[in-house]
């Protein structure tokens, strides 16, 4: 069965002019012509056109496609393997690009005005905006969320580095206390919990003890929250939760 140039153009989503050009440069010559000289394309021609369009989509120039397809030693299966590998790489690249755009959108929404390079320098593999959309959905109507946005919008790279250094230092002391067997309801652990609350107040939003208790409960109710903390030291999330709640009780019972 054969098809006219117009039919093939419709099948493939290309223009008739494109098919004429492919014929003129020897990239895709129709297998037949009518008595009137009109182009007629067979199944083999359509297979070749599919290969051409694959490579074009991947950015190959026409001259290189011609060399690839006309290689006498080329195996049709090898073309498919090559295209599968190239498409997989393209998909991964596009997925990474989409993720980068999404993070940029979230960072703008959250007011974190750092370039991607600065964010990587400050936070490394951890991206503070990964859960920005969820944070806005859960707490967007609260004054704490709005205050956090206002403060974040004013922070420079140096500010974030200072904030992260303070948090890292506190985390090291949390881990050291846990490793040393310091009880979660001891004065030492509760003082760490108080410092944790104060850092939130200093850098993000006013964090009264009731709010801090709610944050502590996230360690038990949100696996992601606990998992992130436990990457520093297994069991740290449960230890911090207990210490924070003990500190809340200590401070509010007075």
C-alpha atoms as a PDB file:
ATOM      1  CA  UNK A   1       0.000   0.000   0.000  1.00  0.00           C
ATOM      2  CA  UNK A   2       1.290   3.471  -0.835  1.00  0.00           C
ATOM      3  CA  UNK A   3       0.401   6.968   0.253  1.00  0.00           C
ATOM      4  CA  UNK A   4       0.484  10.401  -1.327  1.00  0.00           C
ATOM      5  CA  UNK A   5       2.737  13.143  -0.040  1.00  0.00           C
ATOM      6  CA  UNK A   6      -0.284  14.891   1.442  1.00  0.00           C
ATOM      7  CA  UNK A   7      -1.373  11.775   3.316  1.00  0.00           C
ATOM      8  CA  UNK A   8       2.118  11.213   4.716  1.00  0.00           C
ATOM      9  CA  UNK A   9       2.349  14.841   5.792  1.00  0.00           C
ATOM     10  CA  UNK A  10      -0.905  14.399   7.730  1.00  0.00           C
ATOM     11  CA  UNK A  11       0.274  11.108   9.295  1.00  0.00           C
ATOM     12  CA  UNK A  12       3.605  12.504  10.408  1.00  0.00           C
ATOM     13  CA  UNK A  13       2.582  16.016  11.384  1.00  0.00           C
ATOM     14  CA  UNK A  14       5.011  17.641   8.949  1.00  0.00           C
ATOM     15  CA  UNK A  15       4.477  19.868   5.955  1.00  0.00           C
ATOM     16  CA  UNK A  16       4.439  18.782   2.354  1.00  0.00           C
ATOM     17  CA  UNK A  17       7.259  21.230   1.787  1.00  0.00           C
ATOM     18  CA  UNK A  18       9.365  19.367   4.390  1.00  0.00           C
ATOM     19  CA  UNK A  19       8.827  16.061   2.596  1.00  0.00           C
ATOM     20  CA  UNK A  20       9.754  17.666  -0.745  1.00  0.00           C
ATOM     21  CA  UNK A  21      12.965  18.965   0.870  1.00  0.00           C
ATOM     22  CA  UNK A  22      13.824  15.553   2.307  1.00  0.00           C
ATOM     23  CA  UNK A  23      13.394  14.115  -1.192  1.00  0.00           C
ATOM     24  CA  UNK A  24      15.528  16.818  -2.808  1.00  0.00           C
ATOM     25  CA  UNK A  25      18.480  16.218  -0.456  1.00  0.00           C
ATOM     26  CA  UNK A  26      18.215  12.432  -0.700  1.00  0.00           C
ATOM     27  CA  UNK A  27      17.180  11.919   2.916  1.00  0.00           C
ATOM     28  CA  UNK A  28      13.769  10.433   2.135  1.00  0.00           C
ATOM     29  CA  UNK A  29      13.134   9.547  -1.491  1.00  0.00           C
ATOM     30  CA  UNK A  30       9.663   8.095  -2.109  1.00  0.00           C
ATOM     31  CA  UNK A  31       9.685   4.465  -3.184  1.00  0.00           C
ATOM     32  CA  UNK A  32       7.325   5.079  -6.086  1.00  0.00           C
ATOM     33  CA  UNK A  33       6.079   7.775  -8.397  1.00  0.00           C
ATOM     34  CA  UNK A  34       2.902   7.880 -10.421  1.00  0.00           C
ATOM     35  CA  UNK A  35       2.907   8.254 -14.219  1.00  0.00           C
ATOM     36  CA  UNK A  36       2.360  11.942 -13.602  1.00  0.00           C
ATOM     37  CA  UNK A  37       5.454  12.092 -11.385  1.00  0.00           C
ATOM     38  CA  UNK A  38       3.643  12.398  -8.064  1.00  0.00           C
ATOM     39  CA  UNK A  39       5.431  10.980  -5.017  1.00  0.00           C
ATOM     40  CA  UNK A  40       4.067   7.772  -3.453  1.00  0.00           C
ATOM     41  CA  UNK A  41       5.395   6.487  -0.120  1.00  0.00           C
ATOM     42  CA  UNK A  42       5.376   2.857   0.985  1.00  0.00           C
ATOM     43  CA  UNK A  43       5.655   1.273   4.425  1.00  0.00           C
ATOM     44  CA  UNK A  44       9.471   1.227   4.281  1.00  0.00           C
ATOM     45  CA  UNK A  45       9.443   4.938   3.483  1.00  0.00           C
ATOM     46  CA  UNK A  46       7.223   5.594   6.485  1.00  0.00           C
ATOM     47  CA  UNK A  47       9.581   3.603   8.718  1.00  0.00           C
ATOM     48  CA  UNK A  48      12.500   5.719   7.514  1.00  0.00           C
ATOM     49  CA  UNK A  49      10.515   8.912   8.061  1.00  0.00           C
ATOM     50  CA  UNK A  50       9.807   7.838  11.627  1.00  0.00           C
ATOM     51  CA  UNK A  51      13.540   7.370  12.198  1.00  0.00           C
ATOM     52  CA  UNK A  52      14.235  10.791  10.683  1.00  0.00           C
ATOM     53  CA  UNK A  53      11.688  12.500  12.905  1.00  0.00           C
ATOM     54  CA  UNK A  54      13.060  10.768  16.000  1.00  0.00           C
ATOM     55  CA  UNK A  55      16.548  12.063  15.293  1.00  0.00           C
ATOM     56  CA  UNK A  56      15.253  15.522  14.356  1.00  0.00           C
ATOM     57  CA  UNK A  57      13.401  15.738  17.673  1.00  0.00           C
ATOM     58  CA  UNK A  58      16.670  14.910  19.400  1.00  0.00           C
ATOM     59  CA  UNK A  59      18.392  17.782  17.621  1.00  0.00           C
ATOM     60  CA  UNK A  60      20.417  15.891  15.016  1.00  0.00           C
ATOM     61  CA  UNK A  61      21.201  17.855  11.810  1.00  0.00           C
ATOM     62  CA  UNK A  62      19.853  16.427   8.566  1.00  0.00           C
ATOM     63  CA  UNK A  63      23.328  15.642   7.223  1.00  0.00           C
ATOM     64  CA  UNK A  64      24.135  13.508  10.274  1.00  0.00           C
ATOM     65  CA  UNK A  65      20.787  11.732  10.081  1.00  0.00           C
ATOM     66  CA  UNK A  66      21.522  10.830   6.470  1.00  0.00           C
ATOM     67  CA  UNK A  67      24.861   9.300   7.468  1.00  0.00           C
ATOM     68  CA  UNK A  68      23.262   7.328  10.324  1.00  0.00           C
ATOM     69  CA  UNK A  69      20.410   5.940   8.260  1.00  0.00           C
ATOM     70  CA  UNK A  70      22.487   5.147   5.183  1.00  0.00           C
ATOM     71  CA  UNK A  71      25.202   3.280   7.074  1.00  0.00           C
ATOM     72  CA  UNK A  72      25.301  -0.132   5.338  1.00  0.00           C
ATOM     73  CA  UNK A  73      26.336  -1.825   8.587  1.00  0.00           C
ATOM     74  CA  UNK A  74      23.551  -0.254  10.619  1.00  0.00           C
ATOM     75  CA  UNK A  75      21.166  -2.636  12.343  1.00  0.00           C
ATOM     76  CA  UNK A  76      17.552  -1.344  12.580  1.00  0.00           C
ATOM     77  CA  UNK A  77      17.468  -2.662  16.132  1.00  0.00           C
ATOM     78  CA  UNK A  78      20.577  -0.620  16.907  1.00  0.00           C
ATOM     79  CA  UNK A  79      18.776   2.521  15.748  1.00  0.00           C
ATOM     80  CA  UNK A  80      15.992   1.783  18.189  1.00  0.00           C
ATOM     81  CA  UNK A  81      18.434   1.131  21.034  1.00  0.00           C
ATOM     82  CA  UNK A  82      20.295   4.346  20.276  1.00  0.00           C
ATOM     83  CA  UNK A  83      17.082   6.342  20.110  1.00  0.00           C
ATOM     84  CA  UNK A  84      15.793   4.794  23.318  1.00  0.00           C
ATOM     85  CA  UNK A  85      18.981   5.766  25.112  1.00  0.00           C
ATOM     86  CA  UNK A  86      18.912   9.294  23.713  1.00  0.00           C
ATOM     87  CA  UNK A  87      15.246   9.749  24.545  1.00  0.00           C
ATOM     88  CA  UNK A  88      15.773   8.458  28.071  1.00  0.00           C
ATOM     89  CA  UNK A  89      18.597  10.956  28.555  1.00  0.00           C
ATOM     90  CA  UNK A  90      16.400  13.730  27.136  1.00  0.00           C
ATOM     91  CA  UNK A  91      13.550  12.792  29.476  1.00  0.00           C
ATOM     92  CA  UNK A  92      15.888  12.898  32.483  1.00  0.00           C
ATOM     93  CA  UNK A  93      17.256  16.265  31.417  1.00  0.00           C
ATOM     94  CA  UNK A  94      13.761  17.686  30.905  1.00  0.00           C
ATOM     95  CA  UNK A  95      12.666  16.273  34.263  1.00  0.00           C
ATOM     96  CA  UNK A  96      15.638  17.973  35.931  1.00  0.00           C
ATOM     97  CA  UNK A  97      14.842  21.219  34.125  1.00  0.00           C
ATOM     98  CA  UNK A  98      11.189  21.028  35.180  1.00  0.00           C
ATOM     99  CA  UNK A  99      12.234  20.392  38.775  1.00  0.00           C
ATOM    100  CA  UNK A 100      14.592  23.373  38.672  1.00  0.00           C
ATOM    101  CA  UNK A 101      11.832  25.612  37.333  1.00  0.00           C
ATOM    102  CA  UNK A 102       9.446  24.327  40.003  1.00  0.00           C
ATOM    103  CA  UNK A 103      11.987  25.053  42.741  1.00  0.00           C
ATOM    104  CA  UNK A 104      12.525  28.535  41.340  1.00  0.00           C
ATOM    105  CA  UNK A 105       8.763  29.139  41.361  1.00  0.00           C
ATOM    106  CA  UNK A 106       8.501  27.908  44.940  1.00  0.00           C
ATOM    107  CA  UNK A 107      11.497  29.960  46.052  1.00  0.00           C
ATOM    108  CA  UNK A 108       9.942  33.090  44.576  1.00  0.00           C
ATOM    109  CA  UNK A 109       6.657  32.247  46.291  1.00  0.00           C
ATOM    110  CA  UNK A 110       8.432  31.741  49.609  1.00  0.00           C
ATOM    111  CA  UNK A 111      10.470  34.913  49.184  1.00  0.00           C
ATOM    112  CA  UNK A 112      13.885  33.221  49.193  1.00  0.00           C
ATOM    113  CA  UNK A 113      15.781  35.533  46.875  1.00  0.00           C
ATOM    114  CA  UNK A 114      18.884  33.499  46.112  1.00  0.00           C
ATOM    115  CA  UNK A 115      20.251  32.378  42.780  1.00  0.00           C
ATOM    116  CA  UNK A 116      20.420  28.595  42.217  1.00  0.00           C
ATOM    117  CA  UNK A 117      24.192  28.763  42.672  1.00  0.00           C
ATOM    118  CA  UNK A 118      23.851  30.629  45.965  1.00  0.00           C
ATOM    119  CA  UNK A 119      21.206  28.197  47.199  1.00  0.00           C
ATOM    120  CA  UNK A 120      23.506  25.286  46.444  1.00  0.00           C
ATOM    121  CA  UNK A 121      26.421  27.018  48.197  1.00  0.00           C
ATOM    122  CA  UNK A 122      24.319  27.614  51.305  1.00  0.00           C
ATOM    123  CA  UNK A 123      22.124  24.521  51.500  1.00  0.00           C
ATOM    124  CA  UNK A 124      23.965  21.904  49.423  1.00  0.00           C
ATOM    125  CA  UNK A 125      21.699  19.042  48.351  1.00  0.00           C
ATOM    126  CA  UNK A 126      18.973  20.154  50.744  1.00  0.00           C
ATOM    127  CA  UNK A 127      16.523  22.529  49.089  1.00  0.00           C
ATOM    128  CA  UNK A 128      14.484  24.542  51.612  1.00  0.00           C
ATOM    129  CA  UNK A 129      11.727  25.028  49.041  1.00  0.00           C
ATOM    130  CA  UNK A 130      10.981  21.360  48.357  1.00  0.00           C
ATOM    131  CA  UNK A 131       7.833  21.519  50.474  1.00  0.00           C
ATOM    132  CA  UNK A 132       6.972  25.178  49.936  1.00  0.00           C
ATOM    133  CA  UNK A 133       3.674  24.475  48.200  1.00  0.00           C
ATOM    134  CA  UNK A 134       2.577  22.122  50.964  1.00  0.00           C
ATOM    135  CA  UNK A 135       3.678  24.614  53.616  1.00  0.00           C
ATOM    136  CA  UNK A 136       1.568  27.308  52.037  1.00  0.00           C
ATOM    137  CA  UNK A 137      -1.409  24.954  51.807  1.00  0.00           C
ATOM    138  CA  UNK A 138      -1.154  23.933  55.469  1.00  0.00           C
ATOM    139  CA  UNK A 139      -0.108  27.213  57.084  1.00  0.00           C
ATOM    140  CA  UNK A 140      -0.534  29.907  54.450  1.00  0.00           C
ATOM    141  CA  UNK A 141      -3.354  31.591  56.348  1.00  0.00           C
ATOM    142  CA  UNK A 142      -1.347  31.965  59.549  1.00  0.00           C
ATOM    143  CA  UNK A 143       0.526  35.042  60.659  1.00  0.00           C
ATOM    144  CA  UNK A 144       3.578  32.860  61.367  1.00  0.00           C
ATOM    145  CA  UNK A 145       3.743  31.824  57.696  1.00  0.00           C
ATOM    146  CA  UNK A 146       3.360  35.400  56.493  1.00  0.00           C
ATOM    147  CA  UNK A 147       6.022  36.609  58.922  1.00  0.00           C
ATOM    148  CA  UNK A 148       8.387  33.867  57.765  1.00  0.00           C
ATOM    149  CA  UNK A 149       7.879  34.989  54.157  1.00  0.00           C
ATOM    150  CA  UNK A 150       8.550  38.609  55.026  1.00  0.00           C
ATOM    151  CA  UNK A 151      11.778  37.760  56.818  1.00  0.00           C
ATOM    152  CA  UNK A 152      12.978  35.317  54.153  1.00  0.00           C
ATOM    153  CA  UNK A 153      12.468  37.946  51.469  1.00  0.00           C
ATOM    154  CA  UNK A 154      14.978  40.221  53.210  1.00  0.00           C
ATOM    155  CA  UNK A 155      17.718  37.648  53.824  1.00  0.00           C
ATOM    156  CA  UNK A 156      20.892  37.700  51.773  1.00  0.00           C
ATOM    157  CA  UNK A 157      23.193  34.773  51.049  1.00  0.00           C
ATOM    158  CA  UNK A 158      25.298  35.813  54.048  1.00  0.00           C
ATOM    159  CA  UNK A 159      22.199  35.840  56.263  1.00  0.00           C
ATOM    160  CA  UNK A 160      21.269  32.319  55.198  1.00  0.00           C
ATOM    161  CA  UNK A 161      24.820  31.134  55.791  1.00  0.00           C
ATOM    162  CA  UNK A 162      24.690  32.560  59.328  1.00  0.00           C
ATOM    163  CA  UNK A 163      21.280  30.984  59.980  1.00  0.00           C
ATOM    164  CA  UNK A 164      22.409  27.616  58.664  1.00  0.00           C
ATOM    165  CA  UNK A 165      25.629  27.745  60.704  1.00  0.00           C
ATOM    166  CA  UNK A 166      23.614  28.340  63.874  1.00  0.00           C
ATOM    167  CA  UNK A 167      21.243  25.482  63.036  1.00  0.00           C
ATOM    168  CA  UNK A 168      24.134  23.132  62.200  1.00  0.00           C
ATOM    169  CA  UNK A 169      25.848  23.961  65.486  1.00  0.00           C
ATOM    170  CA  UNK A 170      22.662  23.258  67.425  1.00  0.00           C
ATOM    171  CA  UNK A 171      22.153  19.984  65.532  1.00  0.00           C
ATOM    172  CA  UNK A 172      25.664  18.852  66.425  1.00  0.00           C
ATOM    173  CA  UNK A 173      24.921  19.453  70.096  1.00  0.00           C
ATOM    174  CA  UNK A 174      21.590  17.588  69.817  1.00  0.00           C
ATOM    175  CA  UNK A 175      23.425  14.586  68.360  1.00  0.00           C
ATOM    176  CA  UNK A 176      26.179  14.794  70.993  1.00  0.00           C
ATOM    177  CA  UNK A 177      23.606  14.806  73.796  1.00  0.00           C
ATOM    178  CA  UNK A 178      21.807  11.801  72.348  1.00  0.00           C
ATOM    179  CA  UNK A 179      25.079   9.913  71.833  1.00  0.00           C
ATOM    180  CA  UNK A 180      26.137  10.683  75.396  1.00  0.00           C
ATOM    181  CA  UNK A 181      22.925   9.237  76.784  1.00  0.00           C
ATOM    182  CA  UNK A 182      21.662  12.552  78.141  1.00  0.00           C
ATOM    183  CA  UNK A 183      18.007  12.131  79.131  1.00  0.00           C
ATOM    184  CA  UNK A 184      15.524  13.969  76.914  1.00  0.00           C
ATOM    185  CA  UNK A 185      13.839  15.505  79.965  1.00  0.00           C
ATOM    186  CA  UNK A 186      17.131  16.655  81.526  1.00  0.00           C
ATOM    187  CA  UNK A 187      18.003  20.306  81.922  1.00  0.00           C
ATOM    188  CA  UNK A 188      20.682  19.961  79.220  1.00  0.00           C
ATOM    189  CA  UNK A 189      18.271  18.565  76.610  1.00  0.00           C
ATOM    190  CA  UNK A 190      15.526  21.025  77.538  1.00  0.00           C
ATOM    191  CA  UNK A 191      17.973  23.901  77.173  1.00  0.00           C
ATOM    192  CA  UNK A 192      18.723  22.675  73.650  1.00  0.00           C
ATOM    193  CA  UNK A 193      14.986  22.593  72.973  1.00  0.00           C
ATOM    194  CA  UNK A 194      14.678  26.169  74.228  1.00  0.00           C
ATOM    195  CA  UNK A 195      17.509  27.230  71.936  1.00  0.00           C
ATOM    196  CA  UNK A 196      15.723  25.503  69.046  1.00  0.00           C
ATOM    197  CA  UNK A 197      12.568  27.511  69.801  1.00  0.00           C
ATOM    198  CA  UNK A 198      14.567  30.714  70.106  1.00  0.00           C
ATOM    199  CA  UNK A 199      16.201  30.192  66.710  1.00  0.00           C
ATOM    200  CA  UNK A 200      12.742  29.948  65.164  1.00  0.00           C
ATOM    201  CA  UNK A 201      11.793  33.207  66.893  1.00  0.00           C
ATOM    202  CA  UNK A 202      15.014  34.924  65.846  1.00  0.00           C
ATOM    203  CA  UNK A 203      15.053  33.882  62.211  1.00  0.00           C
ATOM    204  CA  UNK A 204      11.526  32.964  61.080  1.00  0.00           C
ATOM    205  CA  UNK A 205       8.515  33.895  63.221  1.00  0.00           C
ATOM    206  CA  UNK A 206       7.325  34.279  66.795  1.00  0.00           C
ATOM    207  CA  UNK A 207       7.139  30.751  68.220  1.00  0.00           C
ATOM    208  CA  UNK A 208       5.257  30.547  71.526  1.00  0.00           C
ATOM    209  CA  UNK A 209       5.469  27.307  73.491  1.00  0.00           C
ATOM    210  CA  UNK A 210       2.140  26.034  72.197  1.00  0.00           C
ATOM    211  CA  UNK A 211       3.410  26.417  68.631  1.00  0.00           C
ATOM    212  CA  UNK A 212       6.704  24.736  69.509  1.00  0.00           C
ATOM    213  CA  UNK A 213       4.782  21.782  70.953  1.00  0.00           C
ATOM    214  CA  UNK A 214       2.919  21.518  67.640  1.00  0.00           C
ATOM    215  CA  UNK A 215       6.237  21.451  65.787  1.00  0.00           C
ATOM    216  CA  UNK A 216       7.444  18.677  68.103  1.00  0.00           C
ATOM    217  CA  UNK A 217       4.381  16.602  67.234  1.00  0.00           C
ATOM    218  CA  UNK A 218       5.341  16.736  63.564  1.00  0.00           C
ATOM    219  CA  UNK A 219       8.179  14.365  64.419  1.00  0.00           C
ATOM    220  CA  UNK A 220       5.559  11.744  65.285  1.00  0.00           C
ATOM    221  CA  UNK A 221       2.846  12.620  62.750  1.00  0.00           C
ATOM    222  CA  UNK A 222       4.874  13.318  59.604  1.00  0.00           C
ATOM    223  CA  UNK A 223       7.267  10.598  58.459  1.00  0.00           C
ATOM    224  CA  UNK A 224       9.078  13.005  56.140  1.00  0.00           C
ATOM    225  CA  UNK A 225       9.765  15.446  58.958  1.00  0.00           C
ATOM    226  CA  UNK A 226      11.108  12.684  61.170  1.00  0.00           C
ATOM    227  CA  UNK A 227      13.086  11.061  58.351  1.00  0.00           C
ATOM    228  CA  UNK A 228      14.887  14.306  57.516  1.00  0.00           C
ATOM    229  CA  UNK A 229      15.915  14.770  61.148  1.00  0.00           C
ATOM    230  CA  UNK A 230      16.892  11.121  61.595  1.00  0.00           C
ATOM    231  CA  UNK A 231      19.357  11.462  58.734  1.00  0.00           C
ATOM    232  CA  UNK A 232      21.520  13.393  61.199  1.00  0.00           C
ATOM    233  CA  UNK A 233      21.354  10.552  63.700  1.00  0.00           C
ATOM    234  CA  UNK A 234      18.852   7.646  63.919  1.00  0.00           C
ATOM    235  CA  UNK A 235      16.402   8.297  66.730  1.00  0.00           C
ATOM    236  CA  UNK A 236      17.099  12.030  66.865  1.00  0.00           C
ATOM    237  CA  UNK A 237      13.556  13.037  65.882  1.00  0.00           C
ATOM    238  CA  UNK A 238      12.005  11.126  68.797  1.00  0.00           C
ATOM    239  CA  UNK A 239      14.641  12.535  71.164  1.00  0.00           C
ATOM    240  CA  UNK A 240      14.002  16.112  70.044  1.00  0.00           C
ATOM    241  CA  UNK A 241      10.248  15.659  70.310  1.00  0.00           C
ATOM    242  CA  UNK A 242      10.524  14.441  73.889  1.00  0.00           C
ATOM    243  CA  UNK A 243      12.932  17.220  74.859  1.00  0.00           C
ATOM    244  CA  UNK A 244      10.792  19.947  73.282  1.00  0.00           C
ATOM    245  CA  UNK A 245       7.640  18.712  74.996  1.00  0.00           C
ATOM    246  CA  UNK A 246       9.498  18.502  78.314  1.00  0.00           C
ATOM    247  CA  UNK A 247      10.731  22.051  77.862  1.00  0.00           C
ATOM    248  CA  UNK A 248       7.220  23.252  76.993  1.00  0.00           C
ATOM    249  CA  UNK A 249       5.927  21.649  80.204  1.00  0.00           C
ATOM    250  CA  UNK A 250       8.783  23.157  82.204  1.00  0.00           C
ATOM    251  CA  UNK A 251       8.175  26.650  80.869  1.00  0.00           C
ATOM    252  CA  UNK A 252       4.357  26.674  80.992  1.00  0.00           C
ATOM    253  CA  UNK A 253       3.940  25.131  84.416  1.00  0.00           C
ATOM    254  CA  UNK A 254       5.577  28.083  86.101  1.00  0.00           C
END
